[in-house]
């Protein structure tokens, strides 16, 4: 397998596993809004950090990329906050 393709597949597989664990944790804390929200914030933080690390290793980390990952993570937190505290 192409080394570059293996690099991307392993990174994205890790991302899918991390996000799946975060979603499962949110569902696991059903009935406890504070823990659900904390799980959402931590999952979003992990997503943000994953993006920074991934692009740093890829060699194309720029401020624009950092802002993009930060905004997506914040949007996810805001949407999940609305869903959790409805």
C-alpha atoms as a PDB file:
ATOM      1  CA  UNK A   1       0.000   0.000   0.000  1.00  0.00           C
ATOM      2  CA  UNK A   2       1.180   3.501  -0.793  1.00  0.00           C
ATOM      3  CA  UNK A   3       2.863   5.064   2.277  1.00  0.00           C
ATOM      4  CA  UNK A   4       0.946   8.333   1.868  1.00  0.00           C
ATOM      5  CA  UNK A   5      -2.374   6.495   1.615  1.00  0.00           C
ATOM      6  CA  UNK A   6      -1.535   4.397   4.687  1.00  0.00           C
ATOM      7  CA  UNK A   7      -0.684   7.622   6.565  1.00  0.00           C
ATOM      8  CA  UNK A   8      -4.080   9.119   5.761  1.00  0.00           C
ATOM      9  CA  UNK A   9      -6.059   5.957   6.414  1.00  0.00           C
ATOM     10  CA  UNK A  10      -4.494   5.481   9.834  1.00  0.00           C
ATOM     11  CA  UNK A  11      -5.106   9.107  10.779  1.00  0.00           C
ATOM     12  CA  UNK A  12      -8.708   9.124   9.636  1.00  0.00           C
ATOM     13  CA  UNK A  13      -9.387   5.760  11.257  1.00  0.00           C
ATOM     14  CA  UNK A  14      -8.117   7.220  14.527  1.00  0.00           C
ATOM     15  CA  UNK A  15     -10.385  10.247  14.050  1.00  0.00           C
ATOM     16  CA  UNK A  16     -13.419   8.041  13.414  1.00  0.00           C
ATOM     17  CA  UNK A  17     -12.641   5.992  16.526  1.00  0.00           C
ATOM     18  CA  UNK A  18     -12.176   9.087  18.690  1.00  0.00           C
ATOM     19  CA  UNK A  19     -15.377  10.725  17.464  1.00  0.00           C
ATOM     20  CA  UNK A  20     -17.315   7.462  17.794  1.00  0.00           C
ATOM     21  CA  UNK A  21     -16.121   7.110  21.370  1.00  0.00           C
ATOM     22  CA  UNK A  22     -17.193  10.704  22.047  1.00  0.00           C
ATOM     23  CA  UNK A  23     -20.661  10.146  20.615  1.00  0.00           C
ATOM     24  CA  UNK A  24     -21.029   6.880  22.541  1.00  0.00           C
ATOM     25  CA  UNK A  25     -19.992   8.687  25.719  1.00  0.00           C
ATOM     26  CA  UNK A  26     -22.594  11.397  25.140  1.00  0.00           C
ATOM     27  CA  UNK A  27     -25.299   8.742  24.723  1.00  0.00           C
ATOM     28  CA  UNK A  28     -23.984   6.832  27.725  1.00  0.00           C
ATOM     29  CA  UNK A  29     -24.522   9.904  29.920  1.00  0.00           C
ATOM     30  CA  UNK A  30     -28.177  10.268  28.870  1.00  0.00           C
ATOM     31  CA  UNK A  31     -30.035  11.893  31.734  1.00  0.00           C
ATOM     32  CA  UNK A  32     -26.985  13.784  33.024  1.00  0.00           C
ATOM     33  CA  UNK A  33     -26.782  16.983  31.006  1.00  0.00           C
ATOM     34  CA  UNK A  34     -23.602  18.275  32.632  1.00  0.00           C
ATOM     35  CA  UNK A  35     -21.675  15.096  31.829  1.00  0.00           C
ATOM     36  CA  UNK A  36     -23.096  15.000  28.312  1.00  0.00           C
ATOM     37  CA  UNK A  37     -22.002  18.567  27.695  1.00  0.00           C
ATOM     38  CA  UNK A  38     -18.560  17.901  29.162  1.00  0.00           C
ATOM     39  CA  UNK A  39     -18.205  14.872  26.861  1.00  0.00           C
ATOM     40  CA  UNK A  40     -19.208  17.064  23.906  1.00  0.00           C
ATOM     41  CA  UNK A  41     -16.624  19.714  24.829  1.00  0.00           C
ATOM     42  CA  UNK A  42     -13.867  17.126  25.303  1.00  0.00           C
ATOM     43  CA  UNK A  43     -14.756  15.413  22.012  1.00  0.00           C
ATOM     44  CA  UNK A  44     -14.635  18.760  20.206  1.00  0.00           C
ATOM     45  CA  UNK A  45     -11.290  19.566  21.810  1.00  0.00           C
ATOM     46  CA  UNK A  46      -9.934  16.185  20.696  1.00  0.00           C
ATOM     47  CA  UNK A  47     -11.184  16.886  17.156  1.00  0.00           C
ATOM     48  CA  UNK A  48      -9.454  20.280  17.188  1.00  0.00           C
ATOM     49  CA  UNK A  49      -6.179  18.822  18.470  1.00  0.00           C
ATOM     50  CA  UNK A  50      -6.363  15.928  16.000  1.00  0.00           C
ATOM     51  CA  UNK A  51      -6.677  18.425  13.137  1.00  0.00           C
ATOM     52  CA  UNK A  52      -3.701  20.451  14.314  1.00  0.00           C
ATOM     53  CA  UNK A  53      -1.520  17.362  14.782  1.00  0.00           C
ATOM     54  CA  UNK A  54      -2.614  15.841  11.474  1.00  0.00           C
ATOM     55  CA  UNK A  55      -1.837  18.956   9.469  1.00  0.00           C
ATOM     56  CA  UNK A  56       1.439  19.503  11.329  1.00  0.00           C
ATOM     57  CA  UNK A  57       2.555  15.987  10.396  1.00  0.00           C
ATOM     58  CA  UNK A  58       1.299  16.535   6.861  1.00  0.00           C
ATOM     59  CA  UNK A  59       3.372  19.715   6.649  1.00  0.00           C
ATOM     60  CA  UNK A  60       0.527  22.025   5.731  1.00  0.00           C
ATOM     61  CA  UNK A  61      -0.436  23.587   9.054  1.00  0.00           C
ATOM     62  CA  UNK A  62      -1.381  27.225   8.530  1.00  0.00           C
ATOM     63  CA  UNK A  63      -3.308  29.693  10.686  1.00  0.00           C
ATOM     64  CA  UNK A  64      -6.267  29.357   8.319  1.00  0.00           C
ATOM     65  CA  UNK A  65      -6.418  25.603   9.042  1.00  0.00           C
ATOM     66  CA  UNK A  66      -6.269  26.213  12.810  1.00  0.00           C
ATOM     67  CA  UNK A  67      -9.129  28.712  12.604  1.00  0.00           C
ATOM     68  CA  UNK A  68     -11.183  26.320  10.485  1.00  0.00           C
ATOM     69  CA  UNK A  69     -10.824  23.437  12.950  1.00  0.00           C
ATOM     70  CA  UNK A  70     -11.510  25.778  15.871  1.00  0.00           C
ATOM     71  CA  UNK A  71     -14.688  27.133  14.284  1.00  0.00           C
ATOM     72  CA  UNK A  72     -15.995  23.660  13.421  1.00  0.00           C
ATOM     73  CA  UNK A  73     -15.293  22.470  16.985  1.00  0.00           C
ATOM     74  CA  UNK A  74     -17.054  25.522  18.456  1.00  0.00           C
ATOM     75  CA  UNK A  75     -20.021  25.069  16.139  1.00  0.00           C
ATOM     76  CA  UNK A  76     -20.324  21.441  17.233  1.00  0.00           C
ATOM     77  CA  UNK A  77     -20.248  22.476  20.909  1.00  0.00           C
ATOM     78  CA  UNK A  78     -22.928  25.111  20.347  1.00  0.00           C
ATOM     79  CA  UNK A  79     -25.191  22.721  18.436  1.00  0.00           C
ATOM     80  CA  UNK A  80     -24.744  19.939  20.972  1.00  0.00           C
ATOM     81  CA  UNK A  81     -25.348  22.387  23.823  1.00  0.00           C
ATOM     82  CA  UNK A  82     -28.665  23.290  22.234  1.00  0.00           C
ATOM     83  CA  UNK A  83     -29.566  19.619  21.813  1.00  0.00           C
ATOM     84  CA  UNK A  84     -28.505  18.639  25.334  1.00  0.00           C
ATOM     85  CA  UNK A  85     -30.115  21.558  27.196  1.00  0.00           C
ATOM     86  CA  UNK A  86     -33.306  21.735  25.124  1.00  0.00           C
END
